[in-house]
Amino acid sequence: MSAVLFFYLADTLNNAGIVFFLLGLVINPLCCFLLYGSRILSADDKETLPITLSGIKRCIIITSLFWLVAFFVPTKETMYLMAGASVVQDVANNPRVKELAGSSLDLIEKKIKEYSNDVSENGEKEKVQQQNDR
């Protein structure tokens, strides 16, 4: 069940990163228009928004925070790779798996030696047979 939850959260977090990036793209021009454009477009100074340094700082901070969150949210593929690496590490550190791998390696080495002995014996028999045929 935890793997299903992880894959759901990976997809959701990936979508959240995209949303934060898009919000940063929307908020930055919107704040710039509200702070600068309203003064330029309006002929009457009473209807314009006052341009303040705190307003500009607030716009820059909000946009930067959205982009920072979007930057540090990993992609869905990266989260899947992290999950796979975690599973492989858990399997590799399992003592039962280590024991099984060791005995499997011993069995493979034994079979390779048997096969190479059979091949060398058959090769010797063929050489003797070829020499007898001459």
C-alpha atoms as a PDB file:
ATOM      1  CA  MET A   1       0.000   0.000   0.000  1.00  0.00           C
ATOM      2  CA  SER A   2       2.864   2.404   0.699  1.00  0.00           C
ATOM      3  CA  ALA A   3       4.138   2.080  -2.890  1.00  0.00           C
ATOM      4  CA  VAL A   4       0.712   3.044  -4.260  1.00  0.00           C
ATOM      5  CA  LEU A   5       0.611   6.048  -1.962  1.00  0.00           C
ATOM      6  CA  PHE A   6       4.142   7.032  -3.001  1.00  0.00           C
ATOM      7  CA  PHE A   7       3.266   6.934  -6.714  1.00  0.00           C
ATOM      8  CA  TYR A   8       0.140   9.008  -6.084  1.00  0.00           C
ATOM      9  CA  LEU A   9       2.107  11.581  -4.106  1.00  0.00           C
ATOM     10  CA  ALA A  10       4.844  11.649  -6.756  1.00  0.00           C
ATOM     11  CA  ASP A  11       2.316  12.577  -9.411  1.00  0.00           C
ATOM     12  CA  THR A  12       0.594  15.117  -7.154  1.00  0.00           C
ATOM     13  CA  LEU A  13       3.869  16.756  -6.145  1.00  0.00           C
ATOM     14  CA  ASN A  14       4.955  16.929  -9.776  1.00  0.00           C
ATOM     15  CA  ASN A  15       1.705  18.706 -10.642  1.00  0.00           C
ATOM     16  CA  ALA A  16       2.168  21.071  -7.690  1.00  0.00           C
ATOM     17  CA  GLY A  17       5.625  22.021  -8.979  1.00  0.00           C
ATOM     18  CA  ILE A  18       4.151  22.861 -12.364  1.00  0.00           C
ATOM     19  CA  VAL A  19       1.407  24.940 -10.733  1.00  0.00           C
ATOM     20  CA  PHE A  20       3.922  26.885  -8.622  1.00  0.00           C
ATOM     21  CA  PHE A  21       6.019  27.626 -11.696  1.00  0.00           C
ATOM     22  CA  LEU A  22       2.979  28.831 -13.638  1.00  0.00           C
ATOM     23  CA  LEU A  23       1.802  30.946 -10.697  1.00  0.00           C
ATOM     24  CA  GLY A  24       5.206  32.607 -10.632  1.00  0.00           C
ATOM     25  CA  LEU A  25       4.891  33.315 -14.342  1.00  0.00           C
ATOM     26  CA  VAL A  26       1.439  34.846 -13.844  1.00  0.00           C
ATOM     27  CA  ILE A  27       2.091  36.791 -10.633  1.00  0.00           C
ATOM     28  CA  ASN A  28       5.282  38.501 -11.805  1.00  0.00           C
ATOM     29  CA  PRO A  29       3.789  40.248 -14.866  1.00  0.00           C
ATOM     30  CA  LEU A  30       0.566  40.946 -12.974  1.00  0.00           C
ATOM     31  CA  CYS A  31       2.441  42.663 -10.149  1.00  0.00           C
ATOM     32  CA  CYS A  32       4.540  44.613 -12.626  1.00  0.00           C
ATOM     33  CA  PHE A  33       1.393  45.793 -14.402  1.00  0.00           C
ATOM     34  CA  LEU A  34      -0.302  46.762 -11.167  1.00  0.00           C
ATOM     35  CA  LEU A  35       2.737  48.614  -9.888  1.00  0.00           C
ATOM     36  CA  TYR A  36       3.891  50.288 -13.096  1.00  0.00           C
ATOM     37  CA  GLY A  37       1.255  49.905 -15.772  1.00  0.00           C
ATOM     38  CA  SER A  38      -1.563  51.495 -13.865  1.00  0.00           C
ATOM     39  CA  ARG A  39       0.455  54.697 -13.468  1.00  0.00           C
ATOM     40  CA  ILE A  40       1.350  54.750 -17.157  1.00  0.00           C
ATOM     41  CA  LEU A  41      -2.122  53.930 -18.499  1.00  0.00           C
ATOM     42  CA  SER A  42      -4.133  56.204 -16.234  1.00  0.00           C
ATOM     43  CA  ALA A  43      -4.431  59.878 -17.075  1.00  0.00           C
ATOM     44  CA  ASP A  44      -5.824  60.720 -13.665  1.00  0.00           C
ATOM     45  CA  ASP A  45      -3.270  60.414 -10.858  1.00  0.00           C
ATOM     46  CA  LYS A  46      -6.025  59.908  -8.267  1.00  0.00           C
ATOM     47  CA  GLU A  47      -6.977  56.506  -9.718  1.00  0.00           C
ATOM     48  CA  THR A  48      -3.460  55.103  -9.873  1.00  0.00           C
ATOM     49  CA  LEU A  49      -1.936  52.790  -7.316  1.00  0.00           C
ATOM     50  CA  PRO A  50       0.956  54.302  -5.441  1.00  0.00           C
ATOM     51  CA  ILE A  51       4.267  52.686  -6.341  1.00  0.00           C
ATOM     52  CA  THR A  52       5.966  51.756  -3.111  1.00  0.00           C
ATOM     53  CA  LEU A  53       9.197  49.984  -2.447  1.00  0.00           C
ATOM     54  CA  SER A  54       7.423  47.556  -0.112  1.00  0.00           C
ATOM     55  CA  GLY A  55       5.008  46.613  -2.918  1.00  0.00           C
ATOM     56  CA  ILE A  56       7.878  45.923  -5.309  1.00  0.00           C
ATOM     57  CA  LYS A  57       9.697  43.888  -2.657  1.00  0.00           C
ATOM     58  CA  ARG A  58       6.541  41.915  -1.905  1.00  0.00           C
ATOM     59  CA  CYS A  59       6.066  41.128  -5.598  1.00  0.00           C
ATOM     60  CA  ILE A  60       9.662  39.983  -5.989  1.00  0.00           C
ATOM     61  CA  ILE A  61       9.527  37.864  -2.829  1.00  0.00           C
ATOM     62  CA  ILE A  62       6.249  36.132  -3.738  1.00  0.00           C
ATOM     63  CA  THR A  63       7.385  35.381  -7.273  1.00  0.00           C
ATOM     64  CA  SER A  64      10.764  34.148  -6.042  1.00  0.00           C
ATOM     65  CA  LEU A  65       9.131  31.850  -3.493  1.00  0.00           C
ATOM     66  CA  PHE A  66       6.878  30.297  -6.131  1.00  0.00           C
ATOM     67  CA  TRP A  67       9.821  29.735  -8.461  1.00  0.00           C
ATOM     68  CA  LEU A  68      11.983  28.383  -5.616  1.00  0.00           C
ATOM     69  CA  VAL A  69       9.339  25.822  -4.670  1.00  0.00           C
ATOM     70  CA  ALA A  70       8.890  24.875  -8.341  1.00  0.00           C
ATOM     71  CA  PHE A  71      12.670  24.519  -8.751  1.00  0.00           C
ATOM     72  CA  PHE A  72      13.131  22.157  -5.788  1.00  0.00           C
ATOM     73  CA  VAL A  73      10.148  19.908  -6.511  1.00  0.00           C
ATOM     74  CA  PRO A  74      11.610  16.863  -8.265  1.00  0.00           C
ATOM     75  CA  THR A  75      10.005  15.540 -11.414  1.00  0.00           C
ATOM     76  CA  LYS A  76       7.886  12.423 -11.393  1.00  0.00           C
ATOM     77  CA  GLU A  77      10.625  10.434 -13.133  1.00  0.00           C
ATOM     78  CA  THR A  78      13.180  11.481 -10.503  1.00  0.00           C
ATOM     79  CA  MET A  79      10.855  10.377  -7.701  1.00  0.00           C
ATOM     80  CA  TYR A  80      10.356   7.009  -9.407  1.00  0.00           C
ATOM     81  CA  LEU A  81      14.134   6.610  -9.676  1.00  0.00           C
ATOM     82  CA  MET A  82      14.490   7.460  -5.979  1.00  0.00           C
ATOM     83  CA  ALA A  83      11.873   4.827  -5.094  1.00  0.00           C
ATOM     84  CA  GLY A  84      13.647   2.230  -7.239  1.00  0.00           C
ATOM     85  CA  ALA A  85      17.016   3.054  -5.687  1.00  0.00           C
ATOM     86  CA  SER A  86      15.508   2.738  -2.217  1.00  0.00           C
ATOM     87  CA  VAL A  87      14.078  -0.701  -3.011  1.00  0.00           C
ATOM     88  CA  VAL A  88      17.364  -1.908  -4.511  1.00  0.00           C
ATOM     89  CA  GLN A  89      19.261  -0.678  -1.460  1.00  0.00           C
ATOM     90  CA  ASP A  90      16.830  -2.441   0.889  1.00  0.00           C
ATOM     91  CA  VAL A  91      17.181  -5.674  -1.070  1.00  0.00           C
ATOM     92  CA  ALA A  92      20.980  -5.407  -1.171  1.00  0.00           C
ATOM     93  CA  ASN A  93      21.190  -4.887   2.595  1.00  0.00           C
ATOM     94  CA  ASN A  94      18.922  -7.846   3.385  1.00  0.00           C
ATOM     95  CA  PRO A  95      21.051 -10.614   4.989  1.00  0.00           C
ATOM     96  CA  ARG A  96      18.858 -13.358   3.539  1.00  0.00           C
ATOM     97  CA  VAL A  97      19.422 -12.018   0.025  1.00  0.00           C
ATOM     98  CA  LYS A  98      23.177 -11.853   0.669  1.00  0.00           C
ATOM     99  CA  GLU A  99      23.173 -15.493   1.809  1.00  0.00           C
ATOM    100  CA  LEU A 100      21.169 -16.584  -1.218  1.00  0.00           C
ATOM    101  CA  ALA A 101      23.452 -14.642  -3.558  1.00  0.00           C
ATOM    102  CA  GLY A 102      26.533 -16.230  -1.993  1.00  0.00           C
ATOM    103  CA  SER A 103      25.205 -19.774  -2.349  1.00  0.00           C
ATOM    104  CA  SER A 104      24.021 -19.037  -5.893  1.00  0.00           C
ATOM    105  CA  LEU A 105      27.489 -17.788  -6.793  1.00  0.00           C
ATOM    106  CA  ASP A 106      29.045 -20.942  -5.339  1.00  0.00           C
ATOM    107  CA  LEU A 107      26.687 -23.110  -7.377  1.00  0.00           C
ATOM    108  CA  ILE A 108      27.415 -21.161 -10.571  1.00  0.00           C
ATOM    109  CA  GLU A 109      31.184 -21.454 -10.043  1.00  0.00           C
ATOM    110  CA  LYS A 110      30.824 -25.222  -9.446  1.00  0.00           C
ATOM    111  CA  LYS A 111      28.816 -25.671 -12.654  1.00  0.00           C
ATOM    112  CA  ILE A 112      31.300 -23.581 -14.661  1.00  0.00           C
ATOM    113  CA  LYS A 113      34.177 -25.740 -13.415  1.00  0.00           C
ATOM    114  CA  GLU A 114      32.271 -28.920 -14.317  1.00  0.00           C
ATOM    115  CA  TYR A 115      31.493 -27.559 -17.761  1.00  0.00           C
ATOM    116  CA  SER A 116      35.072 -26.452 -18.421  1.00  0.00           C
ATOM    117  CA  ASN A 117      36.361 -29.872 -17.275  1.00  0.00           C
ATOM    118  CA  ASP A 118      33.895 -31.603 -19.625  1.00  0.00           C
ATOM    119  CA  VAL A 119      34.913 -29.348 -22.499  1.00  0.00           C
ATOM    120  CA  SER A 120      38.615 -29.902 -21.882  1.00  0.00           C
ATOM    121  CA  GLU A 121      38.119 -33.701 -21.627  1.00  0.00           C
ATOM    122  CA  ASN A 122      36.083 -33.722 -24.853  1.00  0.00           C
ATOM    123  CA  GLY A 123      38.741 -31.589 -26.513  1.00  0.00           C
ATOM    124  CA  GLU A 124      41.469 -34.037 -25.463  1.00  0.00           C
ATOM    125  CA  LYS A 125      39.401 -36.975 -26.745  1.00  0.00           C
ATOM    126  CA  GLU A 126      38.910 -35.232 -30.099  1.00  0.00           C
ATOM    127  CA  LYS A 127      42.659 -34.539 -30.405  1.00  0.00           C
ATOM    128  CA  VAL A 128      43.494 -38.170 -29.650  1.00  0.00           C
ATOM    129  CA  GLN A 129      40.851 -39.318 -32.112  1.00  0.00           C
ATOM    130  CA  GLN A 130      42.181 -36.995 -34.831  1.00  0.00           C
ATOM    131  CA  GLN A 131      45.716 -38.261 -34.269  1.00  0.00           C
ATOM    132  CA  ASN A 132      44.510 -41.892 -34.493  1.00  0.00           C
ATOM    133  CA  ASP A 133      42.700 -41.147 -37.740  1.00  0.00           C
ATOM    134  CA  ARG A 134      45.923 -39.977 -39.396  1.00  0.00           C
END
